[in-house]
PDB file of N, CA and C in Angstrom:
ATOM      1  N   MET A   1      -3.383  -5.784 -62.384  1.00  0.00           N
ATOM      2  CA  MET A   1      -3.583  -7.377 -61.649  1.00  0.00           C
ATOM      3  C   MET A   1      -5.027  -7.698 -62.042  1.00  0.00           C
ATOM      4  N   LYS A   2      -4.161  -9.350 -62.461  1.00  0.00           N
ATOM      5  CA  LYS A   2      -6.019 -10.014 -62.840  1.00  0.00           C
ATOM      6  C   LYS A   2      -6.007 -10.680 -61.665  1.00  0.00           C
ATOM      7  N   PHE A   3      -7.351 -11.147 -61.674  1.00  0.00           N
ATOM      8  CA  PHE A   3      -8.404 -11.286 -60.523  1.00  0.00           C
ATOM      9  C   PHE A   3      -9.325 -12.592 -60.760  1.00  0.00           C
ATOM     10  N   LYS A   4      -9.411 -14.039 -60.656  1.00  0.00           N
ATOM     11  CA  LYS A   4     -10.386 -14.563 -60.984  1.00  0.00           C
ATOM     12  C   LYS A   4     -11.005 -15.449 -59.978  1.00  0.00           C
ATOM     13  N   PRO A   5     -12.549 -14.689 -60.104  1.00  0.00           N
ATOM     14  CA  PRO A   5     -13.454 -15.359 -58.659  1.00  0.00           C
ATOM     15  C   PRO A   5     -13.668 -17.016 -58.937  1.00  0.00           C
ATOM     16  N   ILE A   6     -13.348 -17.975 -58.023  1.00  0.00           N
ATOM     17  CA  ILE A   6     -13.807 -19.063 -57.785  1.00  0.00           C
ATOM     18  C   ILE A   6     -15.169 -19.374 -57.650  1.00  0.00           C
ATOM     19  N   GLY A   7     -15.838 -20.576 -58.121  1.00  0.00           N
ATOM     20  CA  GLY A   7     -16.549 -20.818 -58.144  1.00  0.00           C
ATOM     21  C   GLY A   7     -17.628 -19.691 -58.662  1.00  0.00           C
ATOM     22  N   GLU A   8     -18.889 -20.254 -57.380  1.00  0.00           N
ATOM     23  CA  GLU A   8     -20.351 -19.219 -57.975  1.00  0.00           C
ATOM     24  C   GLU A   8     -20.080 -17.639 -57.453  1.00  0.00           C
ATOM     25  N   ARG A   9     -18.759 -16.857 -57.948  1.00  0.00           N
ATOM     26  CA  ARG A   9     -18.322 -15.847 -56.956  1.00  0.00           C
ATOM     27  C   ARG A   9     -18.403 -15.146 -58.559  1.00  0.00           C
ATOM     28  N   VAL A  10     -18.245 -13.384 -58.126  1.00  0.00           N
ATOM     29  CA  VAL A  10     -18.243 -12.565 -59.044  1.00  0.00           C
ATOM     30  C   VAL A  10     -17.281 -11.549 -58.628  1.00  0.00           C
ATOM     31  N   LEU A  11     -16.079 -10.637 -59.030  1.00  0.00           N
ATOM     32  CA  LEU A  11     -15.775  -9.672 -59.030  1.00  0.00           C
ATOM     33  C   LEU A  11     -16.107  -8.481 -59.237  1.00  0.00           C
ATOM     34  N   ALA A  12     -16.597  -7.517 -58.806  1.00  0.00           N
ATOM     35  CA  ALA A  12     -17.116  -6.430 -58.779  1.00  0.00           C
ATOM     36  C   ALA A  12     -16.642  -5.244 -58.196  1.00  0.00           C
ATOM     37  N   LYS A  13     -16.795  -3.771 -59.106  1.00  0.00           N
ATOM     38  CA  LYS A  13     -16.556  -2.592 -58.858  1.00  0.00           C
ATOM     39  C   LYS A  13     -17.395  -1.535 -58.273  1.00  0.00           C
ATOM     40  N   PRO A  14     -17.747  -1.663 -57.018  1.00  0.00           N
ATOM     41  CA  PRO A  14     -19.141  -0.549 -56.619  1.00  0.00           C
ATOM     42  C   PRO A  14     -19.530   0.749 -57.553  1.00  0.00           C
ATOM     43  N   THR A  15     -20.436   0.642 -57.807  1.00  0.00           N
ATOM     44  CA  THR A  15     -20.462   2.254 -58.893  1.00  0.00           C
ATOM     45  C   THR A  15     -20.700   3.482 -57.486  1.00  0.00           C
ATOM     46  N   GLU A  16     -20.291   4.635 -57.726  1.00  0.00           N
ATOM     47  CA  GLU A  16     -20.433   5.911 -57.263  1.00  0.00           C
ATOM     48  C   GLU A  16     -20.753   6.779 -57.950  1.00  0.00           C
ATOM     49  N   ALA A  17     -22.396   6.870 -57.547  1.00  0.00           N
ATOM     50  CA  ALA A  17     -23.315   7.757 -58.091  1.00  0.00           C
ATOM     51  C   ALA A  17     -23.546   9.209 -56.519  1.00  0.00           C
ATOM     52  N   GLU A  18     -22.758  10.190 -57.597  1.00  0.00           N
ATOM     53  CA  GLU A  18     -23.017  11.557 -56.947  1.00  0.00           C
ATOM     54  C   GLU A  18     -24.160  11.892 -56.437  1.00  0.00           C
ATOM     55  N   GLU A  19     -24.108  12.125 -55.328  1.00  0.00           N
ATOM     56  CA  GLU A  19     -25.899  13.005 -55.053  1.00  0.00           C
ATOM     57  C   GLU A  19     -25.582  13.939 -54.324  1.00  0.00           C
ATOM     58  N   THR A  20     -26.722  14.515 -55.309  1.00  0.00           N
ATOM     59  CA  THR A  20     -26.918  16.093 -54.606  1.00  0.00           C
ATOM     60  C   THR A  20     -28.666  16.597 -54.502  1.00  0.00           C
ATOM     61  N   THR A  21     -28.500  17.105 -53.757  1.00  0.00           N
ATOM     62  CA  THR A  21     -29.815  17.642 -52.962  1.00  0.00           C
ATOM     63  C   THR A  21     -30.417  18.620 -54.215  1.00  0.00           C
ATOM     64  N   ALA A  22     -31.865  18.854 -54.224  1.00  0.00           N
ATOM     65  CA  ALA A  22     -32.829  19.404 -54.937  1.00  0.00           C
ATOM     66  C   ALA A  22     -32.115  21.222 -54.761  1.00  0.00           C
ATOM     67  N   SER A  23     -31.831  21.612 -54.233  1.00  0.00           N
ATOM     68  CA  SER A  23     -30.950  22.656 -54.169  1.00  0.00           C
ATOM     69  C   SER A  23     -29.499  22.877 -54.462  1.00  0.00           C
ATOM     70  N   GLY A  24     -29.042  21.553 -54.859  1.00  0.00           N
ATOM     71  CA  GLY A  24     -27.821  21.666 -55.766  1.00  0.00           C
ATOM     72  C   GLY A  24     -26.837  21.219 -54.863  1.00  0.00           C
ATOM     73  N   ILE A  25     -27.190  21.269 -53.351  1.00  0.00           N
ATOM     74  CA  ILE A  25     -25.749  20.438 -52.417  1.00  0.00           C
ATOM     75  C   ILE A  25     -25.008  19.560 -52.683  1.00  0.00           C
ATOM     76  N   VAL A  26     -23.788  19.092 -53.027  1.00  0.00           N
ATOM     77  CA  VAL A  26     -23.466  17.823 -53.493  1.00  0.00           C
ATOM     78  C   VAL A  26     -22.824  17.061 -51.743  1.00  0.00           C
ATOM     79  N   LEU A  27     -23.712  16.458 -51.669  1.00  0.00           N
ATOM     80  CA  LEU A  27     -23.558  15.620 -50.457  1.00  0.00           C
ATOM     81  C   LEU A  27     -22.042  14.089 -50.076  1.00  0.00           C
ATOM     82  N   PRO A  28     -21.343  14.172 -49.278  1.00  0.00           N
ATOM     83  CA  PRO A  28     -20.433  13.816 -49.218  1.00  0.00           C
ATOM     84  C   PRO A  28     -20.309  12.575 -49.133  1.00  0.00           C
ATOM     85  N   ALA A  29     -19.165  11.825 -49.030  1.00  0.00           N
ATOM     86  CA  ALA A  29     -19.733  10.114 -49.131  1.00  0.00           C
ATOM     87  C   ALA A  29     -19.519   9.593 -47.700  1.00  0.00           C
ATOM     88  N   THR A  30     -19.187  10.580 -46.604  1.00  0.00           N
ATOM     89  CA  THR A  30     -20.014   9.681 -45.543  1.00  0.00           C
ATOM     90  C   THR A  30     -21.338  10.362 -44.547  1.00  0.00           C
ATOM     91  N   ALA A  31     -21.891  11.050 -45.433  1.00  0.00           N
ATOM     92  CA  ALA A  31     -23.136  11.059 -45.381  1.00  0.00           C
ATOM     93  C   ALA A  31     -24.352  10.138 -46.371  1.00  0.00           C
ATOM     94  N   LYS A  32     -23.883   9.772 -47.508  1.00  0.00           N
ATOM     95  CA  LYS A  32     -24.229   9.116 -47.694  1.00  0.00           C
ATOM     96  C   LYS A  32     -24.384   6.870 -47.464  1.00  0.00           C
ATOM     97  N   ASP A  33     -25.281   6.651 -47.843  1.00  0.00           N
ATOM     98  CA  ASP A  33     -24.770   5.554 -47.740  1.00  0.00           C
ATOM     99  C   ASP A  33     -24.526   4.291 -48.895  1.00  0.00           C
ATOM    100  N   LYS A  34     -23.989   3.035 -48.289  1.00  0.00           N
ATOM    101  CA  LYS A  34     -23.104   2.452 -49.158  1.00  0.00           C
ATOM    102  C   LYS A  34     -23.914   1.949 -50.293  1.00  0.00           C
ATOM    103  N   PRO A  35     -23.301   2.009 -51.562  1.00  0.00           N
ATOM    104  CA  PRO A  35     -23.560   1.769 -52.878  1.00  0.00           C
ATOM    105  C   PRO A  35     -24.175   0.347 -53.115  1.00  0.00           C
ATOM    106  N   GLN A  36     -25.758   0.339 -53.743  1.00  0.00           N
ATOM    107  CA  GLN A  36     -25.852  -1.746 -53.511  1.00  0.00           C
ATOM    108  C   GLN A  36     -25.881  -1.905 -54.757  1.00  0.00           C
ATOM    109  N   THR A  37     -25.444  -0.970 -56.099  1.00  0.00           N
ATOM    110  CA  THR A  37     -25.162  -1.258 -57.393  1.00  0.00           C
ATOM    111  C   THR A  37     -23.131  -1.693 -57.565  1.00  0.00           C
ATOM    112  N   ALA A  38     -23.140  -2.061 -58.432  1.00  0.00           N
ATOM    113  CA  ALA A  38     -21.440  -2.438 -59.114  1.00  0.00           C
ATOM    114  C   ALA A  38     -21.431  -2.989 -60.528  1.00  0.00           C
ATOM    115  N   THR A  39     -20.853  -2.664 -61.080  1.00  0.00           N
ATOM    116  CA  THR A  39     -20.063  -3.466 -62.374  1.00  0.00           C
ATOM    117  C   THR A  39     -19.641  -5.009 -62.557  1.00  0.00           C
ATOM    118  N   VAL A  40     -19.316  -5.869 -63.108  1.00  0.00           N
ATOM    119  CA  VAL A  40     -19.192  -6.658 -62.855  1.00  0.00           C
ATOM    120  C   VAL A  40     -17.971  -6.850 -64.080  1.00  0.00           C
ATOM    121  N   VAL A  41     -16.372  -7.200 -63.004  1.00  0.00           N
ATOM    122  CA  VAL A  41     -14.983  -6.988 -63.457  1.00  0.00           C
ATOM    123  C   VAL A  41     -14.734  -8.390 -63.965  1.00  0.00           C
ATOM    124  N   ALA A  42     -15.023  -9.234 -63.521  1.00  0.00           N
ATOM    125  CA  ALA A  42     -14.746 -11.014 -63.692  1.00  0.00           C
ATOM    126  C   ALA A  42     -15.771 -11.865 -62.913  1.00  0.00           C
ATOM    127  N   VAL A  43     -16.380 -12.863 -63.808  1.00  0.00           N
ATOM    128  CA  VAL A  43     -17.038 -13.872 -63.167  1.00  0.00           C
ATOM    129  C   VAL A  43     -16.132 -15.711 -63.435  1.00  0.00           C
ATOM    130  N   GLY A  44     -16.632 -16.001 -61.973  1.00  0.00           N
ATOM    131  CA  GLY A  44     -16.351 -17.353 -61.527  1.00  0.00           C
ATOM    132  C   GLY A  44     -16.817 -18.540 -62.512  1.00  0.00           C
ATOM    133  N   ASP A  45     -15.878 -19.630 -62.535  1.00  0.00           N
ATOM    134  CA  ASP A  45     -16.354 -20.807 -63.378  1.00  0.00           C
ATOM    135  C   ASP A  45     -17.795 -21.591 -63.085  1.00  0.00           C
ATOM    136  N   GLY A  46     -18.348 -21.269 -61.378  1.00  0.00           N
ATOM    137  CA  GLY A  46     -19.788 -21.611 -61.465  1.00  0.00           C
ATOM    138  C   GLY A  46     -20.968 -20.618 -61.688  1.00  0.00           C
ATOM    139  N   GLN A  47     -20.700 -19.382 -62.238  1.00  0.00           N
ATOM    140  CA  GLN A  47     -22.230 -19.083 -62.771  1.00  0.00           C
ATOM    141  C   GLN A  47     -22.429 -19.684 -63.993  1.00  0.00           C
ATOM    142  N   ASN A  48     -23.547 -19.294 -64.328  1.00  0.00           N
ATOM    143  CA  ASN A  48     -24.488 -20.471 -65.160  1.00  0.00           C
ATOM    144  C   ASN A  48     -24.720 -19.727 -66.564  1.00  0.00           C
ATOM    145  N   GLY A  49     -24.104 -18.290 -66.514  1.00  0.00           N
ATOM    146  CA  GLY A  49     -23.720 -17.194 -67.992  1.00  0.00           C
ATOM    147  C   GLY A  49     -25.001 -16.283 -67.556  1.00  0.00           C
ATOM    148  N   VAL A  50     -25.646 -16.026 -66.695  1.00  0.00           N
ATOM    149  CA  VAL A  50     -26.634 -15.348 -66.620  1.00  0.00           C
ATOM    150  C   VAL A  50     -26.023 -13.835 -66.223  1.00  0.00           C
ATOM    151  N   VAL A  51     -25.354 -13.796 -65.219  1.00  0.00           N
ATOM    152  CA  VAL A  51     -24.519 -12.664 -64.836  1.00  0.00           C
ATOM    153  C   VAL A  51     -22.658 -12.894 -65.772  1.00  0.00           C
ATOM    154  N   VAL A  52     -22.928 -12.116 -66.552  1.00  0.00           N
ATOM    155  CA  VAL A  52     -21.501 -11.509 -67.360  1.00  0.00           C
ATOM    156  C   VAL A  52     -20.815 -10.529 -67.372  1.00  0.00           C
ATOM    157  N   GLU A  53     -19.295 -10.275 -67.423  1.00  0.00           N
ATOM    158  CA  GLU A  53     -18.718  -9.087 -67.302  1.00  0.00           C
ATOM    159  C   GLU A  53     -19.263  -8.029 -67.999  1.00  0.00           C
ATOM    160  N   GLY A  54     -19.099  -6.935 -67.341  1.00  0.00           N
ATOM    161  CA  GLY A  54     -19.849  -5.556 -67.517  1.00  0.00           C
ATOM    162  C   GLY A  54     -21.044  -5.197 -67.057  1.00  0.00           C
ATOM    163  N   SER A  55     -21.988  -6.964 -66.079  1.00  0.00           N
ATOM    164  CA  SER A  55     -23.537  -6.409 -66.367  1.00  0.00           C
ATOM    165  C   SER A  55     -23.173  -5.711 -65.026  1.00  0.00           C
ATOM    166  N   VAL A  56     -24.505  -4.810 -65.082  1.00  0.00           N
ATOM    167  CA  VAL A  56     -24.757  -3.700 -63.398  1.00  0.00           C
ATOM    168  C   VAL A  56     -25.601  -4.639 -62.770  1.00  0.00           C
ATOM    169  N   ILE A  57     -24.957  -4.661 -61.627  1.00  0.00           N
ATOM    170  CA  ILE A  57     -25.533  -5.604 -61.180  1.00  0.00           C
ATOM    171  C   ILE A  57     -26.230  -4.843 -59.691  1.00  0.00           C
ATOM    172  N   VAL A  58     -27.046  -5.435 -59.007  1.00  0.00           N
ATOM    173  CA  VAL A  58     -27.837  -4.894 -57.449  1.00  0.00           C
ATOM    174  C   VAL A  58     -27.521  -5.928 -56.390  1.00  0.00           C
ATOM    175  N   TYR A  59     -26.507  -5.980 -55.444  1.00  0.00           N
ATOM    176  CA  TYR A  59     -26.465  -6.582 -54.615  1.00  0.00           C
ATOM    177  C   TYR A  59     -26.959  -6.709 -52.959  1.00  0.00           C
ATOM    178  N   ALA A  60     -26.602  -7.559 -52.025  1.00  0.00           N
ATOM    179  CA  ALA A  60     -27.931  -7.364 -50.876  1.00  0.00           C
ATOM    180  C   ALA A  60     -26.678  -6.208 -50.176  1.00  0.00           C
ATOM    181  N   LYS A  61     -27.217  -5.305 -49.442  1.00  0.00           N
ATOM    182  CA  LYS A  61     -26.761  -4.307 -48.341  1.00  0.00           C
ATOM    183  C   LYS A  61     -25.550  -5.068 -47.115  1.00  0.00           C
ATOM    184  N   PHE A  62     -24.443  -4.848 -46.988  1.00  0.00           N
ATOM    185  CA  PHE A  62     -23.705  -5.338 -46.411  1.00  0.00           C
ATOM    186  C   PHE A  62     -22.755  -6.979 -46.931  1.00  0.00           C
ATOM    187  N   SER A  63     -23.514  -6.989 -47.882  1.00  0.00           N
ATOM    188  CA  SER A  63     -22.103  -8.291 -48.079  1.00  0.00           C
ATOM    189  C   SER A  63     -20.850  -8.427 -49.156  1.00  0.00           C
ATOM    190  N   GLY A  64     -20.562  -9.473 -49.266  1.00  0.00           N
ATOM    191  CA  GLY A  64     -19.395  -8.987 -50.171  1.00  0.00           C
ATOM    192  C   GLY A  64     -17.796  -8.848 -49.379  1.00  0.00           C
ATOM    193  N   THR A  65     -17.486  -9.106 -49.793  1.00  0.00           N
ATOM    194  CA  THR A  65     -15.835  -9.423 -49.452  1.00  0.00           C
ATOM    195  C   THR A  65     -14.675  -8.029 -49.948  1.00  0.00           C
ATOM    196  N   GLU A  66     -14.481  -6.868 -49.206  1.00  0.00           N
ATOM    197  CA  GLU A  66     -13.749  -5.934 -50.411  1.00  0.00           C
ATOM    198  C   GLU A  66     -12.079  -6.253 -49.835  1.00  0.00           C
ATOM    199  N   ILE A  67     -12.064  -5.509 -51.450  1.00  0.00           N
ATOM    200  CA  ILE A  67     -10.418  -6.138 -51.726  1.00  0.00           C
ATOM    201  C   ILE A  67      -9.979  -4.840 -52.377  1.00  0.00           C
ATOM    202  N   LYS A  68      -8.594  -4.555 -52.251  1.00  0.00           N
ATOM    203  CA  LYS A  68      -8.030  -3.734 -53.249  1.00  0.00           C
ATOM    204  C   LYS A  68      -7.199  -4.090 -54.559  1.00  0.00           C
ATOM    205  N   LEU A  69      -7.554  -3.665 -55.939  1.00  0.00           N
ATOM    206  CA  LEU A  69      -6.608  -4.361 -56.674  1.00  0.00           C
ATOM    207  C   LEU A  69      -6.106  -3.259 -57.366  1.00  0.00           C
ATOM    208  N   ASP A  70      -4.750  -2.731 -57.868  1.00  0.00           N
ATOM    209  CA  ASP A  70      -4.853  -1.511 -58.585  1.00  0.00           C
ATOM    210  C   ASP A  70      -5.309  -0.321 -57.732  1.00  0.00           C
ATOM    211  N   ASP A  71      -4.748  -0.202 -56.247  1.00  0.00           N
ATOM    212  CA  ASP A  71      -5.409   0.844 -55.608  1.00  0.00           C
ATOM    213  C   ASP A  71      -7.052   1.216 -56.212  1.00  0.00           C
ATOM    214  N   GLU A  72      -7.844   0.384 -55.984  1.00  0.00           N
ATOM    215  CA  GLU A  72      -9.268   0.471 -56.948  1.00  0.00           C
ATOM    216  C   GLU A  72     -10.182  -0.876 -55.751  1.00  0.00           C
ATOM    217  N   ALA A  73     -11.050  -0.080 -54.595  1.00  0.00           N
ATOM    218  CA  ALA A  73     -12.048  -0.977 -54.351  1.00  0.00           C
ATOM    219  C   ALA A  73     -12.955  -2.098 -54.822  1.00  0.00           C
ATOM    220  N   HIS A  74     -12.302  -3.149 -54.785  1.00  0.00           N
ATOM    221  CA  HIS A  74     -13.617  -4.017 -55.319  1.00  0.00           C
ATOM    222  C   HIS A  74     -14.190  -5.189 -54.483  1.00  0.00           C
ATOM    223  N   LEU A  75     -15.322  -5.702 -54.982  1.00  0.00           N
ATOM    224  CA  LEU A  75     -15.929  -6.612 -54.056  1.00  0.00           C
ATOM    225  C   LEU A  75     -16.212  -7.857 -54.607  1.00  0.00           C
ATOM    226  N   ILE A  76     -15.839  -8.606 -53.860  1.00  0.00           N
ATOM    227  CA  ILE A  76     -15.705 -10.482 -53.880  1.00  0.00           C
ATOM    228  C   ILE A  76     -17.487 -11.006 -53.397  1.00  0.00           C
ATOM    229  N   LEU A  77     -18.480 -11.217 -54.239  1.00  0.00           N
ATOM    230  CA  LEU A  77     -19.688 -11.587 -53.852  1.00  0.00           C
ATOM    231  C   LEU A  77     -20.000 -12.663 -54.426  1.00  0.00           C
ATOM    232  N   ASP A  78     -20.471 -13.510 -53.356  1.00  0.00           N
ATOM    233  CA  ASP A  78     -21.091 -15.067 -53.693  1.00  0.00           C
ATOM    234  C   ASP A  78     -22.342 -14.707 -54.516  1.00  0.00           C
ATOM    235  N   SER A  79     -23.061 -15.768 -55.289  1.00  0.00           N
ATOM    236  CA  SER A  79     -23.747 -15.609 -56.353  1.00  0.00           C
ATOM    237  C   SER A  79     -25.372 -15.280 -55.130  1.00  0.00           C
ATOM    238  N   GLU A  80     -25.081 -16.029 -54.242  1.00  0.00           N
ATOM    239  CA  GLU A  80     -26.719 -15.918 -53.309  1.00  0.00           C
ATOM    240  C   GLU A  80     -27.020 -14.245 -52.880  1.00  0.00           C
ATOM    241  N   ASP A  81     -25.588 -13.436 -52.977  1.00  0.00           N
ATOM    242  CA  ASP A  81     -25.868 -11.835 -52.703  1.00  0.00           C
ATOM    243  C   ASP A  81     -26.614 -10.947 -53.408  1.00  0.00           C
ATOM    244  N   LEU A  82     -26.295 -11.737 -54.829  1.00  0.00           N
ATOM    245  CA  LEU A  82     -26.821 -11.109 -56.022  1.00  0.00           C
ATOM    246  C   LEU A  82     -28.483 -10.612 -56.159  1.00  0.00           C
ATOM    247  N   LEU A  83     -29.014  -9.687 -56.062  1.00  0.00           N
ATOM    248  CA  LEU A  83     -30.158  -9.927 -56.197  1.00  0.00           C
ATOM    249  C   LEU A  83     -30.797  -9.257 -57.624  1.00  0.00           C
ATOM    250  N   GLY A  84     -29.928  -8.645 -58.459  1.00  0.00           N
ATOM    251  CA  GLY A  84     -30.341  -8.367 -59.966  1.00  0.00           C
ATOM    252  C   GLY A  84     -29.734  -8.073 -60.914  1.00  0.00           C
ATOM    253  N   ILE A  85     -30.120  -7.953 -62.180  1.00  0.00           N
ATOM    254  CA  ILE A  85     -29.444  -7.347 -62.895  1.00  0.00           C
ATOM    255  C   ILE A  85     -30.236  -6.045 -63.655  1.00  0.00           C
ATOM    256  N   ILE A  86     -29.327  -4.648 -63.749  1.00  0.00           N
ATOM    257  CA  ILE A  86     -29.902  -3.657 -64.164  1.00  0.00           C
ATOM    258  C   ILE A  86     -29.705  -3.915 -65.697  1.00  0.00           C
ATOM    259  N   GLU A  87     -30.846  -3.757 -66.649  1.00  0.00           N
ATOM    260  CA  GLU A  87     -30.900  -3.593 -68.277  1.00  0.00           C
ATOM    261  C   GLU A  87     -31.190  -2.494 -68.355  1.00  0.00           C
ATOM    262  N   ALA A  88     -30.647  -2.080 -69.473  1.00  0.00           N
ATOM    263  CA  ALA A  88     -30.708  -0.780 -69.829  1.00  0.00           C
ATOM    264  C   ALA A  88     -31.810  -0.843 -71.007  1.00  0.00           C
TER     265      ALA A  88
END
């Protein structure tokens, strides 16, 4: 399914980093905080070119609207909820 955000919004897929303790115990999803990083899937027309598809972004905690596309969780985020871009 195709989705194009409107205005200064982005569609992003949250990244799920598997978390393990120092002793090798894998923590379940219920014991972890919600991720605050995501990969940008689509960009709205109002973005000024700073955020592009494929960018890894950091967003404000508890922000965005959760939707399901093709049985995968995605977030629609306003530009003011974006805190930064992670550069490799």
